[in-house]
All heavy atoms as atom14 arrays in JSON, in Angstrom:
{
  "sequence": "LESDDAVYLLEDLEKADQTEILSQIPAADRATLERSLEYPEGSAG",
  "atom14_mask": [
    [1, 1, 1, 1, 1, 1, 1, 1, 0, 0, 0, 0, 0, 0],
    [1, 1, 1, 1, 1, 1, 1, 1, 1, 0, 0, 0, 0, 0],
    [1, 1, 1, 1, 1, 1, 0, 0, 0, 0, 0, 0, 0, 0],
    [1, 1, 1, 1, 1, 1, 1, 1, 0, 0, 0, 0, 0, 0],
    [1, 1, 1, 1, 1, 1, 1, 1, 0, 0, 0, 0, 0, 0],
    [1, 1, 1, 1, 1, 0, 0, 0, 0, 0, 0, 0, 0, 0],
    [1, 1, 1, 1, 1, 1, 1, 0, 0, 0, 0, 0, 0, 0],
    [1, 1, 1, 1, 1, 1, 1, 1, 1, 1, 1, 1, 0, 0],
    [1, 1, 1, 1, 1, 1, 1, 1, 0, 0, 0, 0, 0, 0],
    [1, 1, 1, 1, 1, 1, 1, 1, 0, 0, 0, 0, 0, 0],
    [1, 1, 1, 1, 1, 1, 1, 1, 1, 0, 0, 0, 0, 0],
    [1, 1, 1, 1, 1, 1, 1, 1, 0, 0, 0, 0, 0, 0],
    [1, 1, 1, 1, 1, 1, 1, 1, 0, 0, 0, 0, 0, 0],
    [1, 1, 1, 1, 1, 1, 1, 1, 1, 0, 0, 0, 0, 0],
    [1, 1, 1, 1, 1, 1, 1, 1, 1, 0, 0, 0, 0, 0],
    [1, 1, 1, 1, 1, 0, 0, 0, 0, 0, 0, 0, 0, 0],
    [1, 1, 1, 1, 1, 1, 1, 1, 0, 0, 0, 0, 0, 0],
    [1, 1, 1, 1, 1, 1, 1, 1, 1, 0, 0, 0, 0, 0],
    [1, 1, 1, 1, 1, 1, 1, 0, 0, 0, 0, 0, 0, 0],
    [1, 1, 1, 1, 1, 1, 1, 1, 1, 0, 0, 0, 0, 0],
    [1, 1, 1, 1, 1, 1, 1, 1, 0, 0, 0, 0, 0, 0],
    [1, 1, 1, 1, 1, 1, 1, 1, 0, 0, 0, 0, 0, 0],
    [1, 1, 1, 1, 1, 1, 0, 0, 0, 0, 0, 0, 0, 0],
    [1, 1, 1, 1, 1, 1, 1, 1, 1, 0, 0, 0, 0, 0],
    [1, 1, 1, 1, 1, 1, 1, 1, 0, 0, 0, 0, 0, 0],
    [1, 1, 1, 1, 1, 1, 1, 0, 0, 0, 0, 0, 0, 0],
    [1, 1, 1, 1, 1, 0, 0, 0, 0, 0, 0, 0, 0, 0],
    [1, 1, 1, 1, 1, 0, 0, 0, 0, 0, 0, 0, 0, 0],
    [1, 1, 1, 1, 1, 1, 1, 1, 0, 0, 0, 0, 0, 0],
    [1, 1, 1, 1, 1, 1, 1, 1, 1, 1, 1, 0, 0, 0],
    [1, 1, 1, 1, 1, 0, 0, 0, 0, 0, 0, 0, 0, 0],
    [1, 1, 1, 1, 1, 1, 1, 0, 0, 0, 0, 0, 0, 0],
    [1, 1, 1, 1, 1, 1, 1, 1, 0, 0, 0, 0, 0, 0],
    [1, 1, 1, 1, 1, 1, 1, 1, 1, 0, 0, 0, 0, 0],
    [1, 1, 1, 1, 1, 1, 1, 1, 1, 1, 1, 0, 0, 0],
    [1, 1, 1, 1, 1, 1, 0, 0, 0, 0, 0, 0, 0, 0],
    [1, 1, 1, 1, 1, 1, 1, 1, 0, 0, 0, 0, 0, 0],
    [1, 1, 1, 1, 1, 1, 1, 1, 1, 0, 0, 0, 0, 0],
    [1, 1, 1, 1, 1, 1, 1, 1, 1, 1, 1, 1, 0, 0],
    [1, 1, 1, 1, 1, 1, 1, 0, 0, 0, 0, 0, 0, 0],
    [1, 1, 1, 1, 1, 1, 1, 1, 1, 0, 0, 0, 0, 0],
    [1, 1, 1, 1, 0, 0, 0, 0, 0, 0, 0, 0, 0, 0],
    [1, 1, 1, 1, 1, 1, 0, 0, 0, 0, 0, 0, 0, 0],
    [1, 1, 1, 1, 1, 0, 0, 0, 0, 0, 0, 0, 0, 0],
    [1, 1, 1, 1, 0, 0, 0, 0, 0, 0, 0, 0, 0, 0]
  ],
  "atom14_positions": [
    [[0.85, -1.15, 0.02], [-0.06, -0.01, -0.04], [0.9, 1.31, 0.02], [2.03, 1.24, 0.4], [-0.84, 0.0, 1.21], [-1.99, -0.97, 1.28], [-2.64, -1.07, 2.66], [-3.07, -0.96, 0.17], [0.0, 0.0, 0.0], [0.0, 0.0, 0.0], [0.0, 0.0, 0.0], [0.0, 0.0, 0.0], [0.0, 0.0, 0.0], [0.0, 0.0, 0.0]],
    [[0.24, 2.34, -0.44], [0.94, 3.69, -0.3], [0.9, 4.05, 1.2], [0.07, 3.51, 1.9], [0.22, 4.68, -1.14], [0.37, 4.41, -2.7], [-0.22, 5.49, -3.51], [-1.3, 6.15, -3.05], [0.17, 5.58, -4.74], [0.0, 0.0, 0.0], [0.0, 0.0, 0.0], [0.0, 0.0, 0.0], [0.0, 0.0, 0.0], [0.0, 0.0, 0.0]],
    [[1.76, 5.01, 1.57], [1.85, 5.17, 3.0], [0.66, 5.72, 3.66], [0.41, 5.34, 4.83], [3.13, 6.3, 3.13], [2.74, 7.45, 2.45], [0.0, 0.0, 0.0], [0.0, 0.0, 0.0], [0.0, 0.0, 0.0], [0.0, 0.0, 0.0], [0.0, 0.0, 0.0], [0.0, 0.0, 0.0], [0.0, 0.0, 0.0], [0.0, 0.0, 0.0]],
    [[-0.17, 6.58, 3.07], [-1.4, 6.91, 3.75], [-2.36, 5.91, 4.0], [-2.95, 5.76, 5.05], [-2.07, 8.1, 2.94], [-2.41, 7.74, 1.34], [-1.76, 6.74, 1.05], [-3.27, 8.29, 0.85], [0.0, 0.0, 0.0], [0.0, 0.0, 0.0], [0.0, 0.0, 0.0], [0.0, 0.0, 0.0], [0.0, 0.0, 0.0], [0.0, 0.0, 0.0]],
    [[-2.46, 4.88, 3.12], [-3.28, 3.65, 3.37], [-2.73, 2.89, 4.44], [-3.43, 2.24, 5.22], [-3.64, 3.01, 2.12], [-4.34, 3.69, 1.07], [-5.33, 4.56, 1.48], [-4.16, 3.59, -0.14], [0.0, 0.0, 0.0], [0.0, 0.0, 0.0], [0.0, 0.0, 0.0], [0.0, 0.0, 0.0], [0.0, 0.0, 0.0], [0.0, 0.0, 0.0]],
    [[-1.32, 2.73, 4.35], [-0.74, 1.87, 5.37], [-0.89, 2.5, 6.78], [-1.12, 1.66, 7.76], [0.77, 1.72, 5.01], [0.0, 0.0, 0.0], [0.0, 0.0, 0.0], [0.0, 0.0, 0.0], [0.0, 0.0, 0.0], [0.0, 0.0, 0.0], [0.0, 0.0, 0.0], [0.0, 0.0, 0.0], [0.0, 0.0, 0.0], [0.0, 0.0, 0.0]],
    [[-0.8, 3.81, 6.91], [-1.09, 4.38, 8.24], [-2.39, 4.13, 8.68], [-2.62, 3.85, 9.88], [-0.66, 5.86, 8.13], [-1.17, 6.65, 9.38], [0.76, 6.04, 7.96], [0.0, 0.0, 0.0], [0.0, 0.0, 0.0], [0.0, 0.0, 0.0], [0.0, 0.0, 0.0], [0.0, 0.0, 0.0], [0.0, 0.0, 0.0], [0.0, 0.0, 0.0]],
    [[-3.42, 4.18, 7.88], [-4.79, 3.88, 8.16], [-4.9, 2.51, 8.85], [-5.66, 2.3, 9.79], [-5.73, 4.04, 6.93], [-7.13, 3.7, 7.21], [-7.96, 4.39, 8.0], [-7.6, 2.44, 6.58], [-9.32, 4.0, 8.22], [-8.98, 2.05, 6.89], [-9.75, 2.88, 7.64], [-11.07, 2.54, 7.82], [0.0, 0.0, 0.0], [0.0, 0.0, 0.0]],
    [[-4.22, 1.56, 8.27], [-4.26, 0.17, 8.83], [-3.48, 0.13, 10.16], [-4.01, -0.63, 11.08], [-3.58, -0.91, 7.93], [-4.33, -1.13, 6.51], [-3.64, -2.22, 5.79], [-5.79, -1.36, 6.69], [0.0, 0.0, 0.0], [0.0, 0.0, 0.0], [0.0, 0.0, 0.0], [0.0, 0.0, 0.0], [0.0, 0.0, 0.0], [0.0, 0.0, 0.0]],
    [[-2.5, 0.84, 10.32], [-1.64, 0.72, 11.56], [-2.18, 1.56, 12.76], [-1.93, 1.09, 13.9], [-0.2, 1.03, 11.24], [0.69, 0.2, 10.36], [1.82, 0.84, 9.9], [0.94, -1.15, 11.21], [0.0, 0.0, 0.0], [0.0, 0.0, 0.0], [0.0, 0.0, 0.0], [0.0, 0.0, 0.0], [0.0, 0.0, 0.0], [0.0, 0.0, 0.0]],
    [[-2.81, 2.65, 12.48], [-2.93, 3.6, 13.56], [-3.75, 3.07, 14.75], [-3.55, 3.6, 15.9], [-3.46, 4.93, 13.02], [-4.86, 4.8, 12.33], [-5.32, 6.02, 11.72], [-4.53, 7.1, 11.82], [-6.36, 6.09, 10.99], [0.0, 0.0, 0.0], [0.0, 0.0, 0.0], [0.0, 0.0, 0.0], [0.0, 0.0, 0.0], [0.0, 0.0, 0.0]],
    [[-4.73, 2.24, 14.53], [-5.56, 1.79, 15.61], [-5.07, 0.5, 16.23], [-5.67, -0.02, 17.23], [-7.0, 1.55, 15.12], [-7.57, 2.93, 14.82], [-7.33, 3.95, 15.36], [-8.4, 2.88, 13.76], [0.0, 0.0, 0.0], [0.0, 0.0, 0.0], [0.0, 0.0, 0.0], [0.0, 0.0, 0.0], [0.0, 0.0, 0.0], [0.0, 0.0, 0.0]],
    [[-3.91, -0.07, 15.91], [-3.4, -1.35, 16.42], [-2.8, -1.09, 17.76], [-2.41, -0.04, 18.05], [-2.43, -2.09, 15.49], [-2.96, -2.41, 14.11], [-1.83, -3.01, 13.31], [-4.04, -3.35, 14.22], [0.0, 0.0, 0.0], [0.0, 0.0, 0.0], [0.0, 0.0, 0.0], [0.0, 0.0, 0.0], [0.0, 0.0, 0.0], [0.0, 0.0, 0.0]],
    [[-2.74, -2.14, 18.65], [-1.91, -2.16, 19.85], [-0.5, -1.93, 19.45], [0.03, -2.31, 18.41], [-2.14, -3.48, 20.56], [-3.53, -3.78, 20.96], [-3.97, -2.77, 22.06], [-3.13, -2.3, 22.85], [-5.18, -2.7, 22.29], [0.0, 0.0, 0.0], [0.0, 0.0, 0.0], [0.0, 0.0, 0.0], [0.0, 0.0, 0.0], [0.0, 0.0, 0.0]],
    [[0.19, -1.24, 20.37], [1.54, -0.85, 20.2], [2.43, -2.08, 19.9], [3.41, -2.03, 19.06], [2.12, -0.13, 21.38], [3.51, 0.55, 21.17], [3.37, 1.7, 20.28], [4.81, 2.41, 20.04], [4.63, 3.45, 18.99], [0.0, 0.0, 0.0], [0.0, 0.0, 0.0], [0.0, 0.0, 0.0], [0.0, 0.0, 0.0], [0.0, 0.0, 0.0]],
    [[2.25, -3.19, 20.58], [2.97, -4.42, 20.41], [2.78, -4.88, 18.9], [3.73, -5.34, 18.23], [2.65, -5.54, 21.35], [0.0, 0.0, 0.0], [0.0, 0.0, 0.0], [0.0, 0.0, 0.0], [0.0, 0.0, 0.0], [0.0, 0.0, 0.0], [0.0, 0.0, 0.0], [0.0, 0.0, 0.0], [0.0, 0.0, 0.0], [0.0, 0.0, 0.0]],
    [[1.56, -4.87, 18.5], [1.37, -5.45, 17.18], [1.82, -4.44, 16.07], [2.43, -4.95, 15.08], [-0.31, -5.48, 16.86], [-0.98, -6.61, 17.66], [-0.16, -7.63, 17.81], [-2.0, -6.51, 18.12], [0.0, 0.0, 0.0], [0.0, 0.0, 0.0], [0.0, 0.0, 0.0], [0.0, 0.0, 0.0], [0.0, 0.0, 0.0], [0.0, 0.0, 0.0]],
    [[1.82, -3.15, 16.25], [2.46, -2.13, 15.36], [3.98, -2.4, 15.3], [4.45, -2.47, 14.25], [2.3, -0.81, 15.99], [0.9, -0.07, 15.58], [0.96, 1.4, 16.0], [1.96, 1.97, 16.26], [-0.19, 2.08, 15.96], [0.0, 0.0, 0.0], [0.0, 0.0, 0.0], [0.0, 0.0, 0.0], [0.0, 0.0, 0.0], [0.0, 0.0, 0.0]],
    [[4.65, -2.64, 16.52], [6.04, -2.84, 16.49], [6.33, -4.14, 15.62], [7.29, -4.23, 14.9], [6.51, -2.91, 17.9], [6.25, -1.76, 18.53], [7.97, -3.2, 17.86], [0.0, 0.0, 0.0], [0.0, 0.0, 0.0], [0.0, 0.0, 0.0], [0.0, 0.0, 0.0], [0.0, 0.0, 0.0], [0.0, 0.0, 0.0], [0.0, 0.0, 0.0]],
    [[5.56, -5.2, 15.95], [5.83, -6.5, 15.2], [5.59, -6.43, 13.62], [6.45, -6.85, 12.92], [4.94, -7.58, 15.73], [5.19, -8.94, 15.2], [4.35, -10.1, 15.63], [3.61, -9.84, 16.67], [4.18, -11.06, 15.01], [0.0, 0.0, 0.0], [0.0, 0.0, 0.0], [0.0, 0.0, 0.0], [0.0, 0.0, 0.0], [0.0, 0.0, 0.0]],
    [[4.59, -5.65, 13.32], [4.41, -5.63, 11.91], [5.4, -4.71, 11.25], [5.91, -4.98, 10.21], [2.91, -4.95, 11.64], [1.88, -5.94, 12.03], [2.71, -4.55, 10.15], [0.54, -5.47, 12.18], [0.0, 0.0, 0.0], [0.0, 0.0, 0.0], [0.0, 0.0, 0.0], [0.0, 0.0, 0.0], [0.0, 0.0, 0.0], [0.0, 0.0, 0.0]],
    [[5.71, -3.56, 11.83], [6.74, -2.67, 11.31], [8.09, -3.3, 11.21], [8.94, -2.99, 10.34], [6.84, -1.39, 12.1], [5.67, -0.43, 12.09], [5.63, 0.69, 13.1], [5.69, 0.19, 10.63], [0.0, 0.0, 0.0], [0.0, 0.0, 0.0], [0.0, 0.0, 0.0], [0.0, 0.0, 0.0], [0.0, 0.0, 0.0], [0.0, 0.0, 0.0]],
    [[8.39, -4.34, 12.09], [9.64, -4.78, 11.99], [9.82, -5.73, 10.74], [11.04, -6.16, 10.33], [9.9, -5.9, 13.27], [8.98, -6.94, 13.29], [0.0, 0.0, 0.0], [0.0, 0.0, 0.0], [0.0, 0.0, 0.0], [0.0, 0.0, 0.0], [0.0, 0.0, 0.0], [0.0, 0.0, 0.0], [0.0, 0.0, 0.0], [0.0, 0.0, 0.0]],
    [[8.66, -6.14, 10.06], [8.67, -6.86, 8.93], [8.75, -6.01, 7.65], [8.6, -6.52, 6.51], [7.61, -7.79, 8.89], [7.47, -8.78, 10.09], [6.26, -9.59, 10.15], [6.03, -10.27, 9.12], [5.58, -9.6, 11.29], [0.0, 0.0, 0.0], [0.0, 0.0, 0.0], [0.0, 0.0, 0.0], [0.0, 0.0, 0.0], [0.0, 0.0, 0.0]],
    [[8.8, -4.65, 7.88], [8.73, -3.74, 6.74], [10.18, -3.26, 6.42], [11.04, -3.08, 7.26], [7.83, -2.4, 6.99], [6.49, -2.93, 7.5], [7.68, -1.58, 5.87], [5.61, -3.62, 6.52], [0.0, 0.0, 0.0], [0.0, 0.0, 0.0], [0.0, 0.0, 0.0], [0.0, 0.0, 0.0], [0.0, 0.0, 0.0], [0.0, 0.0, 0.0]],
    [[10.55, -3.16, 5.12], [11.84, -2.48, 4.8], [12.23, -1.3, 5.63], [11.3, -0.51, 5.79], [11.83, -2.21, 3.33], [10.75, -3.25, 2.9], [9.79, -3.34, 3.97], [0.0, 0.0, 0.0], [0.0, 0.0, 0.0], [0.0, 0.0, 0.0], [0.0, 0.0, 0.0], [0.0, 0.0, 0.0], [0.0, 0.0, 0.0], [0.0, 0.0, 0.0]],
    [[13.49, -1.12, 5.85], [13.87, 0.01, 6.85], [13.42, 1.4, 6.38], [12.84, 2.22, 7.16], [15.32, 0.13, 7.0], [0.0, 0.0, 0.0], [0.0, 0.0, 0.0], [0.0, 0.0, 0.0], [0.0, 0.0, 0.0], [0.0, 0.0, 0.0], [0.0, 0.0, 0.0], [0.0, 0.0, 0.0], [0.0, 0.0, 0.0], [0.0, 0.0, 0.0]],
    [[13.55, 1.68, 5.06], [13.23, 3.02, 4.55], [11.72, 3.25, 4.68], [11.26, 4.36, 5.17], [13.65, 3.2, 3.14], [0.0, 0.0, 0.0], [0.0, 0.0, 0.0], [0.0, 0.0, 0.0], [0.0, 0.0, 0.0], [0.0, 0.0, 0.0], [0.0, 0.0, 0.0], [0.0, 0.0, 0.0], [0.0, 0.0, 0.0], [0.0, 0.0, 0.0]],
    [[10.93, 2.2, 4.31], [9.49, 2.38, 4.43], [8.96, 2.38, 5.93], [8.12, 3.11, 6.22], [8.81, 1.21, 3.74], [9.09, 1.3, 2.26], [9.37, 2.31, 1.7], [8.92, 0.14, 1.66], [0.0, 0.0, 0.0], [0.0, 0.0, 0.0], [0.0, 0.0, 0.0], [0.0, 0.0, 0.0], [0.0, 0.0, 0.0], [0.0, 0.0, 0.0]],
    [[9.68, 1.64, 6.7], [9.42, 1.62, 8.21], [9.56, 3.02, 8.8], [8.72, 3.54, 9.54], [10.21, 0.53, 8.92], [9.93, 0.51, 10.44], [10.53, -0.73, 11.09], [12.0, -0.66, 11.02], [12.78, -1.45, 10.33], [12.23, -2.31, 9.61], [14.1, -1.33, 10.35], [0.0, 0.0, 0.0], [0.0, 0.0, 0.0], [0.0, 0.0, 0.0]],
    [[10.64, 3.65, 8.45], [10.93, 4.98, 9.02], [9.83, 5.98, 8.56], [9.36, 6.85, 9.43], [12.3, 5.46, 8.53], [0.0, 0.0, 0.0], [0.0, 0.0, 0.0], [0.0, 0.0, 0.0], [0.0, 0.0, 0.0], [0.0, 0.0, 0.0], [0.0, 0.0, 0.0], [0.0, 0.0, 0.0], [0.0, 0.0, 0.0], [0.0, 0.0, 0.0]],
    [[9.45, 5.92, 7.38], [8.31, 6.72, 6.87], [7.03, 6.58, 7.62], [6.47, 7.55, 8.09], [8.11, 6.53, 5.42], [9.28, 6.79, 4.66], [6.95, 7.41, 4.78], [0.0, 0.0, 0.0], [0.0, 0.0, 0.0], [0.0, 0.0, 0.0], [0.0, 0.0, 0.0], [0.0, 0.0, 0.0], [0.0, 0.0, 0.0], [0.0, 0.0, 0.0]],
    [[6.7, 5.28, 7.78], [5.52, 5.02, 8.49], [5.48, 5.48, 9.99], [4.53, 5.95, 10.57], [5.15, 3.49, 8.42], [4.74, 3.07, 7.04], [4.64, 1.55, 7.03], [3.47, 3.68, 6.47], [0.0, 0.0, 0.0], [0.0, 0.0, 0.0], [0.0, 0.0, 0.0], [0.0, 0.0, 0.0], [0.0, 0.0, 0.0], [0.0, 0.0, 0.0]],
    [[6.75, 5.18, 10.63], [6.84, 5.59, 12.05], [6.77, 7.05, 12.19], [6.12, 7.52, 13.22], [8.18, 5.06, 12.54], [8.22, 3.52, 12.8], [9.54, 2.99, 13.16], [10.53, 3.66, 12.84], [9.6, 1.83, 13.75], [0.0, 0.0, 0.0], [0.0, 0.0, 0.0], [0.0, 0.0, 0.0], [0.0, 0.0, 0.0], [0.0, 0.0, 0.0]],
    [[7.31, 7.75, 11.28], [7.19, 9.28, 11.33], [5.78, 9.7, 11.18], [5.3, 10.56, 11.94], [8.03, 9.84, 10.27], [8.17, 11.49, 10.28], [8.88, 11.97, 9.18], [8.5, 11.58, 7.85], [9.08, 11.89, 6.67], [10.22, 12.55, 6.66], [8.53, 11.48, 5.48], [0.0, 0.0, 0.0], [0.0, 0.0, 0.0], [0.0, 0.0, 0.0]],
    [[5.07, 9.14, 10.31], [3.55, 9.53, 10.01], [2.75, 9.17, 11.26], [1.9, 9.94, 11.65], [3.06, 8.87, 8.89], [3.67, 9.2, 7.64], [0.0, 0.0, 0.0], [0.0, 0.0, 0.0], [0.0, 0.0, 0.0], [0.0, 0.0, 0.0], [0.0, 0.0, 0.0], [0.0, 0.0, 0.0], [0.0, 0.0, 0.0], [0.0, 0.0, 0.0]],
    [[3.04, 8.06, 12.05], [2.29, 7.66, 13.13], [2.58, 8.63, 14.35], [1.79, 8.58, 15.33], [2.55, 6.3, 13.53], [2.07, 5.14, 12.51], [2.63, 3.83, 12.87], [0.47, 5.13, 12.74], [0.0, 0.0, 0.0], [0.0, 0.0, 0.0], [0.0, 0.0, 0.0], [0.0, 0.0, 0.0], [0.0, 0.0, 0.0], [0.0, 0.0, 0.0]],
    [[3.59, 9.28, 14.28], [4.09, 10.24, 15.39], [3.21, 11.54, 15.28], [2.99, 12.22, 16.33], [5.56, 10.56, 15.34], [6.46, 9.43, 15.7], [7.96, 9.74, 15.57], [8.16, 10.86, 15.13], [8.8, 8.91, 15.82], [0.0, 0.0, 0.0], [0.0, 0.0, 0.0], [0.0, 0.0, 0.0], [0.0, 0.0, 0.0], [0.0, 0.0, 0.0]],
    [[2.71, 11.88, 14.12], [1.85, 13.06, 14.05], [0.47, 12.86, 14.72], [-0.02, 11.71, 14.84], [1.58, 13.38, 12.58], [2.92, 13.69, 11.87], [3.32, 13.01, 10.69], [3.7, 14.74, 12.29], [4.41, 13.34, 9.99], [4.91, 15.09, 11.67], [5.22, 14.35, 10.48], [6.41, 14.66, 9.85], [0.0, 0.0, 0.0], [0.0, 0.0, 0.0]],
    [[-0.13, 14.01, 15.11], [-1.4, 13.81, 15.86], [-2.47, 13.11, 15.01], [-2.46, 13.31, 13.8], [-1.82, 15.31, 16.18], [-0.47, 16.04, 16.11], [0.4, 15.41, 15.07], [0.0, 0.0, 0.0], [0.0, 0.0, 0.0], [0.0, 0.0, 0.0], [0.0, 0.0, 0.0], [0.0, 0.0, 0.0], [0.0, 0.0, 0.0], [0.0, 0.0, 0.0]],
    [[-3.31, 12.4, 15.69], [-4.53, 11.76, 14.99], [-5.44, 12.83, 14.41], [-5.66, 13.86, 15.08], [-5.26, 10.85, 15.89], [-6.32, 10.08, 15.34], [-7.02, 9.17, 16.31], [-6.47, 8.97, 17.43], [-8.12, 8.57, 15.88], [0.0, 0.0, 0.0], [0.0, 0.0, 0.0], [0.0, 0.0, 0.0], [0.0, 0.0, 0.0], [0.0, 0.0, 0.0]],
    [[-5.83, 12.61, 13.17], [-6.7, 13.6, 12.54], [-5.94, 14.74, 11.87], [-6.6, 15.75, 11.51], [0.0, 0.0, 0.0], [0.0, 0.0, 0.0], [0.0, 0.0, 0.0], [0.0, 0.0, 0.0], [0.0, 0.0, 0.0], [0.0, 0.0, 0.0], [0.0, 0.0, 0.0], [0.0, 0.0, 0.0], [0.0, 0.0, 0.0], [0.0, 0.0, 0.0]],
    [[-4.55, 14.76, 11.87], [-3.81, 15.8, 11.27], [-3.51, 15.48, 9.85], [-3.5, 14.45, 9.31], [-2.53, 16.04, 12.16], [-1.65, 14.95, 11.96], [0.0, 0.0, 0.0], [0.0, 0.0, 0.0], [0.0, 0.0, 0.0], [0.0, 0.0, 0.0], [0.0, 0.0, 0.0], [0.0, 0.0, 0.0], [0.0, 0.0, 0.0], [0.0, 0.0, 0.0]],
    [[-2.81, 16.47, 9.14], [-2.4, 16.3, 7.83], [-1.3, 15.23, 7.64], [-1.23, 14.62, 6.86], [-1.91, 17.59, 7.19], [0.0, 0.0, 0.0], [0.0, 0.0, 0.0], [0.0, 0.0, 0.0], [0.0, 0.0, 0.0], [0.0, 0.0, 0.0], [0.0, 0.0, 0.0], [0.0, 0.0, 0.0], [0.0, 0.0, 0.0], [0.0, 0.0, 0.0]],
    [[-0.45, 15.18, 8.82], [0.49, 14.22, 8.78], [0.01, 12.77, 8.76], [0.72, 11.89, 8.21], [0.0, 0.0, 0.0], [0.0, 0.0, 0.0], [0.0, 0.0, 0.0], [0.0, 0.0, 0.0], [0.0, 0.0, 0.0], [0.0, 0.0, 0.0], [0.0, 0.0, 0.0], [0.0, 0.0, 0.0], [0.0, 0.0, 0.0], [0.0, 0.0, 0.0]]
  ]
}
């Protein structure tokens, strides 16, 4: 998925599940998703 759709899948998961799933993502893509998840919910980020 593109990053915005991927964030939609990840944002409501438990932290442990997020971490496990992100560990299976390539490093560059993982960094992008982790950065997006740090932005406030409902924000442009």
